Amino acid sequence: MHQTLASQFSTRDQVTDFVVYKGNGVKGLSETGINILPDQYIQPFEERLINFHVNDRTEESIPVIDMSNSDEKSVSKAVCDAAEEWGFFQVINHGVSMEVIENMKAATHRFFSLPVEEKRKLSREKSLSTNVRYGTSFSPHAEKALEWKDYLSLLYVSEAEASQLWPDACRHATLEYMNESKPLVKKLLQFLGENLNVKELDKTKESLFMGSTRINLNYYPTCPNPDLTVGVGRHSDVSTLTILLQDQIGGLHVRSLTTGTDRWVNVPPISGSLVINIGDAMQIMSNGRYKSVEHRVLANGTNNRISVPIFVNPKPESLIGPLLEVIANGEKPVYRDVLYTDYVKHFFRKGHDRKKTIDFANI
C-alpha cells in the first residue's frame, strides 16, 4: 500500500501547527487517516532498538502485591523489597473500587472525545490556570523527536478550584478516583517510611511526601508506524510515588534492575490492579535505597490506549534530600538538598532523557 500523509499536510511545519498549535493533538492527526508517521515523531535509532530487548519471560516480572493480606508485616516487607529491587510493583485488592476505576477510564475517553475547540480552551495559550493544561507529547519545544501522546494535566489544589476549573467531562470521576486512592497512598508511604526509620507519617512528613498531587489523563491513539516512535520516551518520574491506572491494552515497559543488562520487562495489565512506582524524590529522600526506575510506553498500531497516573509529590517549596532518619546512623549522603520546585523545572526544561534528571541532586 502506498504510504502518505493526509492531503492537508505538505510540509513538516503544517503537521506541527495542526497537532501542537491548533490543538488537534496526535488524536486528531491519527483520525485524518494518515498511514505514514511524520518525520518529527521518528525516534533516534537507539530508542527504536530497545524494542528488541524486551524480556517477556514469565519468570521475570514486577511483583504483584495483595494489599488485603491480613499479615500487614508481610505486605509491608513486600512493598519495601519491591521498592528496593524493582522500583515498580502492582497492587491488587487495594481499596479503590472497580466502579470508580471504570468511571475514571470512561471519563478519560469522554474528555478526549470532546470537540477540539473545547480541549483547546485548556491549552498552554488559553487555559485560565497553569494548574490545568491540555497538551501533546512531553515538551514539544525541547524534544528532538515528539512522542505519540496527548494529555490533560490537573494539579489538585482544592475541591473548590477543581469545581471551577476542571472540565465537566471528567471532573467528578477524577475527584472520586483521587479521593478513593488516598488511603492506599498513605498506607504505602507508611510502609516505606517505617522501613527508613520514619516512625510516623505526621503533618511534616505528609507535607514532604505527599504535599501536592497532580493527575494526568493520557491518550495514545492508534499509530501508523508504532515501531518508529514511542508513546512516552524512557524516563523516571520526579514524584515521591506514582499510582498508575492502565487499561487492558498495555504497552508499559520497565527497565530491569535484576538481570544486570539492558533489558526491559513488559508490565501486563491485570484487571483492577494499579501500578506503583518510586519517583526521583523518594530515591533522593531514601538516599538511594528505593529506586526510581526508567520506564517507557510503546505506541500501538491497532488500538487507542489510555492511562491515568497520579503523581504524589512533595510541596513545591519543600527542600528534598536524604532524610535525617536515614543518615542518622552515619550513612553518607549521596544527594544534596534541593528545592523541589527547582528539580521539577529542570525536568521539564528538556526532553525525556533516561534518568539524567537525578544528576541535578548529586553531591
Protein backbone atom coordinates (compact mmCIF):
# COMPACT_ATOMS: atom_id res chain seq x y z
CA MET A 1 0.00 0.00 0.00
CA HIS A 2 1.31 3.44 -0.91
CA GLN A 3 2.01 5.35 2.29
CA THR A 4 1.07 9.01 2.50
CA LEU A 5 0.37 11.77 4.95
CA ALA A 6 -3.16 13.17 4.85
CA SER A 7 -3.64 15.55 1.93
CA GLN A 8 -3.75 18.70 4.07
CA PHE A 9 -0.09 18.26 5.12
CA SER A 10 2.53 19.17 2.57
CA THR A 11 5.24 20.30 4.99
CA ARG A 12 6.63 19.33 8.39
CA ASP A 13 5.55 22.72 9.83
CA GLN A 14 1.94 22.09 8.83
CA VAL A 15 1.90 18.89 10.86
CA THR A 16 3.34 20.65 13.91
CA ASP A 17 0.87 23.53 13.53
CA PHE A 18 -2.08 21.13 13.28
CA VAL A 19 -1.02 18.94 16.21
CA VAL A 20 0.58 21.38 18.66
CA TYR A 21 -0.68 24.90 17.94
CA LYS A 22 -4.19 24.21 16.67
CA GLY A 23 -4.75 21.73 19.50
CA ASN A 24 -5.71 18.69 17.44
CA GLY A 25 -3.08 16.56 19.15
CA VAL A 26 -1.95 13.21 17.81
CA LYS A 27 -5.54 12.00 18.25
CA GLY A 28 -6.61 14.46 15.56
CA LEU A 29 -3.61 13.51 13.43
CA SER A 30 -4.43 9.80 13.71
CA GLU A 31 -8.04 10.49 12.78
CA THR A 32 -7.06 12.19 9.49
CA GLY A 33 -6.27 8.72 8.20
CA ILE A 34 -2.52 9.14 7.80
CA ASN A 35 -0.70 5.87 7.23
CA ILE A 36 2.86 7.12 7.49
CA LEU A 37 4.49 8.60 10.55
CA PRO A 38 5.50 12.28 10.21
CA ASP A 39 9.25 12.86 10.45
CA GLN A 40 9.16 14.72 13.76
CA TYR A 41 7.80 11.60 15.52
CA ILE A 42 10.55 9.25 14.32
CA GLN A 43 12.72 8.42 17.32
CA PRO A 44 16.52 8.02 17.17
CA PHE A 45 17.66 4.54 16.18
CA GLU A 46 18.85 3.63 19.69
CA GLU A 47 15.37 4.32 21.09
CA ARG A 48 13.79 2.05 18.50
CA LEU A 49 16.48 -0.59 19.03
CA ILE A 50 15.40 -1.25 22.63
CA ASN A 51 12.19 -2.80 21.30
CA PHE A 52 14.35 -5.86 20.70
CA HIS A 53 15.47 -6.01 24.33
CA VAL A 54 12.09 -6.53 25.98
CA ASN A 55 12.00 -9.51 28.28
CA ASP A 56 8.65 -11.31 28.08
CA ARG A 57 9.88 -14.30 30.03
CA THR A 58 7.28 -15.21 32.61
CA GLU A 59 9.90 -15.72 35.31
CA GLU A 60 10.84 -12.03 35.27
CA SER A 61 8.01 -9.65 36.09
CA ILE A 62 7.41 -6.85 38.54
CA PRO A 63 5.94 -8.04 41.86
CA VAL A 64 2.17 -8.22 42.36
CA ILE A 65 1.17 -7.45 45.96
CA ASP A 66 -2.21 -8.23 47.52
CA MET A 67 -2.94 -5.30 49.83
CA SER A 68 -5.80 -7.19 51.53
CA ASN A 69 -3.43 -9.75 53.09
CA SER A 70 -4.16 -9.78 56.82
CA ASP A 71 -0.44 -10.14 57.61
CA GLU A 72 0.47 -6.46 57.42
CA LYS A 73 4.16 -7.07 58.17
CA SER A 74 4.33 -9.38 55.16
CA VAL A 75 2.67 -6.75 52.94
CA SER A 76 4.99 -4.03 54.23
CA LYS A 77 8.07 -6.17 53.54
CA ALA A 78 6.84 -6.98 50.02
CA VAL A 79 6.29 -3.28 49.27
CA CYS A 80 9.71 -2.23 50.59
CA ASP A 81 11.52 -5.10 48.87
CA ALA A 82 9.86 -4.18 45.57
CA ALA A 83 10.81 -0.52 46.05
CA GLU A 84 14.45 -1.51 46.57
CA GLU A 85 14.78 -4.26 43.96
CA TRP A 86 12.42 -3.14 41.19
CA GLY A 87 11.19 0.40 41.80
CA PHE A 88 7.88 -0.88 40.42
CA PHE A 89 5.10 -3.18 41.60
CA GLN A 90 1.41 -3.82 41.02
CA VAL A 91 -1.18 -3.85 43.80
CA ILE A 92 -4.46 -5.73 43.86
CA ASN A 93 -7.32 -5.56 46.41
CA HIS A 94 -6.12 -2.04 47.11
CA GLY A 95 -9.38 -0.46 48.23
CA VAL A 96 -10.23 1.51 45.09
CA SER A 97 -13.49 0.07 43.77
CA MET A 98 -13.85 -1.32 40.25
CA GLU A 99 -16.76 1.07 39.69
CA VAL A 100 -14.56 4.09 40.43
CA ILE A 101 -11.78 2.68 38.23
CA GLU A 102 -14.15 2.07 35.30
CA ASN A 103 -15.69 5.53 35.75
CA MET A 104 -12.18 7.04 35.58
CA LYS A 105 -11.42 5.21 32.35
CA ALA A 106 -14.75 6.28 30.84
CA ALA A 107 -14.16 9.90 31.88
CA THR A 108 -10.75 9.86 30.17
CA HIS A 109 -12.28 8.68 26.91
CA ARG A 110 -15.08 11.22 27.33
CA PHE A 111 -12.66 14.13 27.70
CA PHE A 112 -10.58 13.20 24.66
CA SER A 113 -13.76 12.75 22.62
CA LEU A 114 -14.66 16.42 23.16
CA PRO A 115 -14.52 18.77 20.16
CA VAL A 116 -11.08 20.25 19.56
CA GLU A 117 -12.43 23.73 20.35
CA GLU A 118 -13.35 22.60 23.87
CA LYS A 119 -10.00 20.96 24.57
CA ARG A 120 -8.08 23.93 23.17
CA LYS A 121 -9.57 26.15 25.89
CA LEU A 122 -7.26 24.28 28.27
CA SER A 123 -4.08 24.62 26.19
CA ARG A 124 -0.98 26.47 27.39
CA GLU A 125 -2.06 29.58 25.46
CA LYS A 126 -5.70 29.65 26.57
CA SER A 127 -6.08 27.91 29.95
CA LEU A 128 -7.26 30.12 32.81
CA SER A 129 -4.74 28.42 35.13
CA THR A 130 -1.33 26.79 34.86
CA ASN A 131 -2.82 24.09 37.10
CA VAL A 132 -4.99 22.85 34.23
CA ARG A 133 -3.21 22.01 30.98
CA TYR A 134 -4.17 20.16 27.80
CA GLY A 135 -1.29 19.33 25.50
CA THR A 136 0.59 16.80 23.42
CA SER A 137 3.91 14.94 23.64
CA PHE A 138 6.07 15.84 26.68
CA SER A 139 7.78 19.12 25.92
CA PRO A 140 7.40 19.84 22.17
CA HIS A 141 9.73 22.86 22.23
CA ALA A 142 12.57 20.91 23.88
CA GLU A 143 12.31 17.43 22.32
CA LYS A 144 14.39 16.17 19.44
CA ALA A 145 11.56 13.79 18.49
CA LEU A 146 7.93 14.12 19.56
CA GLU A 147 6.05 11.45 21.50
CA TRP A 148 2.77 9.90 20.33
CA LYS A 149 0.59 11.02 23.24
CA ASP A 150 -1.96 13.67 24.22
CA TYR A 151 -2.68 14.56 27.83
CA LEU A 152 -4.76 16.57 30.26
CA SER A 153 -2.76 17.50 33.37
CA LEU A 154 -4.59 18.60 36.52
CA LEU A 155 -2.83 19.90 39.63
CA TYR A 156 -5.07 19.38 42.64
CA VAL A 157 -5.27 22.45 44.86
CA SER A 158 -8.75 22.15 46.36
CA GLU A 159 -12.21 20.78 45.60
CA ALA A 160 -13.35 24.37 45.10
CA GLU A 161 -10.74 25.12 42.44
CA ALA A 162 -11.37 21.79 40.73
CA SER A 163 -15.11 22.54 40.64
CA GLN A 164 -14.36 25.85 38.96
CA LEU A 165 -11.59 24.92 36.53
CA TRP A 166 -11.59 21.19 35.76
CA PRO A 167 -13.56 20.08 32.68
CA ASP A 168 -17.12 18.86 33.27
CA ALA A 169 -16.42 15.78 31.15
CA CYS A 170 -14.05 14.27 33.72
CA ARG A 171 -14.18 16.33 36.93
CA HIS A 172 -16.45 14.17 39.09
CA ALA A 173 -14.89 10.83 38.16
CA THR A 174 -11.36 12.20 38.59
CA LEU A 175 -12.01 13.66 42.04
CA GLU A 176 -13.73 10.46 43.14
CA TYR A 177 -10.82 8.35 41.91
CA MET A 178 -8.23 10.58 43.62
CA ASN A 179 -10.16 10.52 46.91
CA GLU A 180 -10.51 6.73 46.88
CA SER A 181 -6.77 6.40 46.18
CA LYS A 182 -5.65 8.46 49.19
CA PRO A 183 -5.83 5.67 51.81
CA LEU A 184 -3.70 3.46 49.55
CA VAL A 185 -1.13 6.24 49.10
CA LYS A 186 -0.92 6.82 52.85
CA LYS A 187 -0.56 3.11 53.56
CA LEU A 188 2.26 2.71 51.02
CA LEU A 189 4.07 5.77 52.38
CA GLN A 190 3.66 4.47 55.91
CA PHE A 191 5.28 1.16 54.93
CA LEU A 192 8.10 2.82 53.01
CA GLY A 193 8.68 5.39 55.77
CA GLU A 194 8.81 2.89 58.61
CA ASN A 195 11.47 0.97 56.70
CA LEU A 196 13.52 4.21 56.67
CA ASN A 197 13.08 4.72 60.45
CA VAL A 198 10.33 7.31 59.94
CA LYS A 199 8.16 6.32 62.87
CA GLU A 200 5.08 8.33 61.99
CA LEU A 201 3.54 9.96 58.91
CA ASP A 202 2.88 13.21 60.78
CA LYS A 203 1.92 16.54 59.20
CA THR A 204 5.54 17.46 58.47
CA LYS A 205 6.26 14.15 56.73
CA GLU A 206 2.90 14.23 54.92
CA SER A 207 3.81 17.63 53.53
CA LEU A 208 7.19 16.32 52.42
CA PHE A 209 6.00 13.01 50.97
CA MET A 210 2.57 13.96 49.62
CA GLY A 211 2.27 17.73 49.87
CA SER A 212 0.99 18.12 46.31
CA THR A 213 -0.81 15.89 43.85
CA ARG A 214 -1.10 16.01 40.07
CA ILE A 215 -3.19 13.67 37.96
CA ASN A 216 -2.76 13.21 34.21
CA LEU A 217 -5.25 11.75 31.77
CA ASN A 218 -3.21 10.28 28.89
CA TYR A 219 -4.43 9.28 25.44
CA TYR A 220 -2.34 7.24 22.99
CA PRO A 221 -4.16 7.00 19.65
CA THR A 222 -3.57 4.31 17.06
CA CYS A 223 -0.23 4.97 15.36
CA PRO A 224 0.55 4.24 11.68
CA ASN A 225 4.19 3.16 12.34
CA PRO A 226 4.43 2.23 16.03
CA ASP A 227 7.91 0.69 15.69
CA LEU A 228 9.36 4.08 14.72
CA THR A 229 8.12 6.12 17.68
CA VAL A 230 7.14 5.92 21.36
CA GLY A 231 4.10 6.79 23.42
CA VAL A 232 6.42 8.04 26.16
CA GLY A 233 10.21 8.02 25.97
CA ARG A 234 12.32 6.40 28.65
CA HIS A 235 12.47 8.42 31.83
CA SER A 236 11.98 8.24 35.58
CA ASP A 237 9.27 10.23 37.35
CA VAL A 238 10.10 13.20 39.59
CA SER A 239 7.41 12.23 42.11
CA THR A 240 7.56 10.60 45.52
CA LEU A 241 5.23 7.87 44.26
CA THR A 242 3.25 7.40 41.06
CA ILE A 243 -0.03 5.48 41.07
CA LEU A 244 -0.83 4.34 37.52
CA LEU A 245 -4.14 3.11 36.19
CA GLN A 246 -3.66 1.48 32.77
CA ASP A 247 -6.31 -0.02 30.53
CA GLN A 248 -6.34 -3.52 29.06
CA ILE A 249 -4.21 -2.53 26.02
CA GLY A 250 -0.88 -2.38 27.86
CA GLY A 251 2.43 -1.12 26.50
CA LEU A 252 4.28 -0.12 29.67
CA HIS A 253 7.89 -1.31 29.84
CA VAL A 254 10.18 -1.07 32.86
CA ARG A 255 13.96 -1.34 32.89
CA SER A 256 15.03 -4.46 34.74
CA LEU A 257 17.34 -3.97 37.72
CA THR A 258 17.68 -7.70 38.30
CA THR A 259 19.28 -9.01 35.11
CA GLY A 260 22.22 -6.61 35.13
CA THR A 261 21.85 -5.95 31.41
CA ASP A 262 19.93 -3.51 29.25
CA ARG A 263 16.69 -5.50 29.45
CA TRP A 264 13.15 -4.24 29.62
CA VAL A 265 10.21 -6.01 31.24
CA ASN A 266 6.65 -5.73 29.99
CA VAL A 267 4.05 -4.82 32.63
CA PRO A 268 0.93 -6.70 31.54
CA PRO A 269 -2.39 -5.18 32.62
CA ILE A 270 -4.12 -7.04 35.46
CA SER A 271 -7.82 -6.28 35.75
CA GLY A 272 -8.48 -3.97 38.70
CA SER A 273 -4.80 -3.56 39.58
CA LEU A 274 -2.81 -0.35 39.98
CA VAL A 275 0.86 0.02 39.07
CA ILE A 276 3.01 1.76 41.69
CA ASN A 277 6.43 3.20 41.03
CA ILE A 278 9.02 5.02 43.08
CA GLY A 279 9.87 8.53 41.87
CA ASP A 280 13.12 10.50 41.98
CA ALA A 281 12.04 12.44 45.09
CA MET A 282 11.69 9.20 47.05
CA GLN A 283 15.01 7.88 45.72
CA ILE A 284 16.68 11.07 46.92
CA MET A 285 14.96 11.05 50.33
CA SER A 286 15.82 7.38 50.86
CA ASN A 287 19.46 8.16 49.91
CA GLY A 288 19.23 5.72 47.02
CA ARG A 289 17.73 2.81 48.95
CA TYR A 290 14.47 2.95 47.00
CA LYS A 291 14.94 3.00 43.24
CA SER A 292 13.31 5.33 40.76
CA VAL A 293 13.47 3.29 37.57
CA GLU A 294 13.37 4.14 33.88
CA HIS A 295 10.18 3.23 32.07
CA ARG A 296 8.55 3.94 28.73
CA VAL A 297 5.34 3.37 26.81
CA LEU A 298 5.09 1.83 23.35
CA ALA A 299 2.95 3.25 20.58
CA ASN A 300 0.23 0.91 19.37
CA GLY A 301 -0.68 0.16 15.77
CA THR A 302 -4.14 -1.30 16.32
CA ASN A 303 -5.74 0.25 19.41
CA ASN A 304 -6.30 3.56 21.17
CA ARG A 305 -4.87 3.36 24.72
CA ILE A 306 -5.42 5.43 27.85
CA SER A 307 -3.66 5.64 31.19
CA VAL A 308 -4.14 7.75 34.31
CA PRO A 309 -1.12 8.41 36.56
CA ILE A 310 -1.46 10.15 39.92
CA PHE A 311 1.81 11.85 40.79
CA VAL A 312 2.22 12.15 44.56
CA ASN A 313 4.82 14.87 45.14
CA PRO A 314 6.48 16.95 47.83
CA LYS A 315 5.21 20.51 48.16
CA PRO A 316 6.97 22.74 45.59
CA GLU A 317 8.70 24.70 48.36
CA SER A 318 9.97 21.54 50.10
CA LEU A 319 13.69 21.01 50.46
CA ILE A 320 14.34 17.40 49.49
CA GLY A 321 17.47 15.47 50.39
CA PRO A 322 18.37 12.30 52.29
CA LEU A 323 16.10 12.06 55.33
CA LEU A 324 17.72 12.69 58.70
CA GLU A 325 16.31 9.36 59.86
CA VAL A 326 18.24 7.63 57.06
CA ILE A 327 21.64 9.23 57.65
CA ALA A 328 21.37 9.34 61.47
CA ASN A 329 23.34 6.09 61.68
CA GLY A 330 26.31 7.60 59.87
CA GLU A 331 25.31 6.66 56.32
CA LYS A 332 26.99 9.04 53.89
CA PRO A 333 24.57 11.24 51.90
CA VAL A 334 24.59 10.52 48.16
CA TYR A 335 22.43 13.55 47.28
CA ARG A 336 22.43 17.20 48.27
CA ASP A 337 19.37 19.10 49.44
CA VAL A 338 17.49 20.70 46.54
CA LEU A 339 14.37 22.82 46.33
CA TYR A 340 11.73 20.53 44.85
CA THR A 341 10.37 23.20 42.51
CA ASP A 342 13.87 23.70 41.05
CA TYR A 343 14.16 19.95 40.49
CA VAL A 344 10.82 19.84 38.64
CA LYS A 345 11.71 22.87 36.48
CA HIS A 346 14.95 21.14 35.49
CA PHE A 347 12.95 18.03 34.47
CA PHE A 348 10.55 19.94 32.22
CA ARG A 349 13.25 22.12 30.66
CA LYS A 350 14.36 19.25 28.43
CA GLY A 351 13.05 16.17 26.65
CA HIS A 352 12.88 12.77 28.33
CA ASP A 353 16.47 11.65 28.86
CA ARG A 354 16.50 8.40 30.79
CA LYS A 355 17.50 9.04 34.43
CA LYS A 356 19.71 12.07 33.91
CA THR A 357 17.44 14.40 35.86
CA ILE A 358 18.59 12.94 39.16
CA ASP A 359 22.15 14.11 38.41
CA PHE A 360 20.78 17.56 39.37
CA ALA A 361 20.75 16.40 43.02
CA ASN A 362 24.10 14.55 43.03
CA ILE A 363 26.71 15.70 45.52
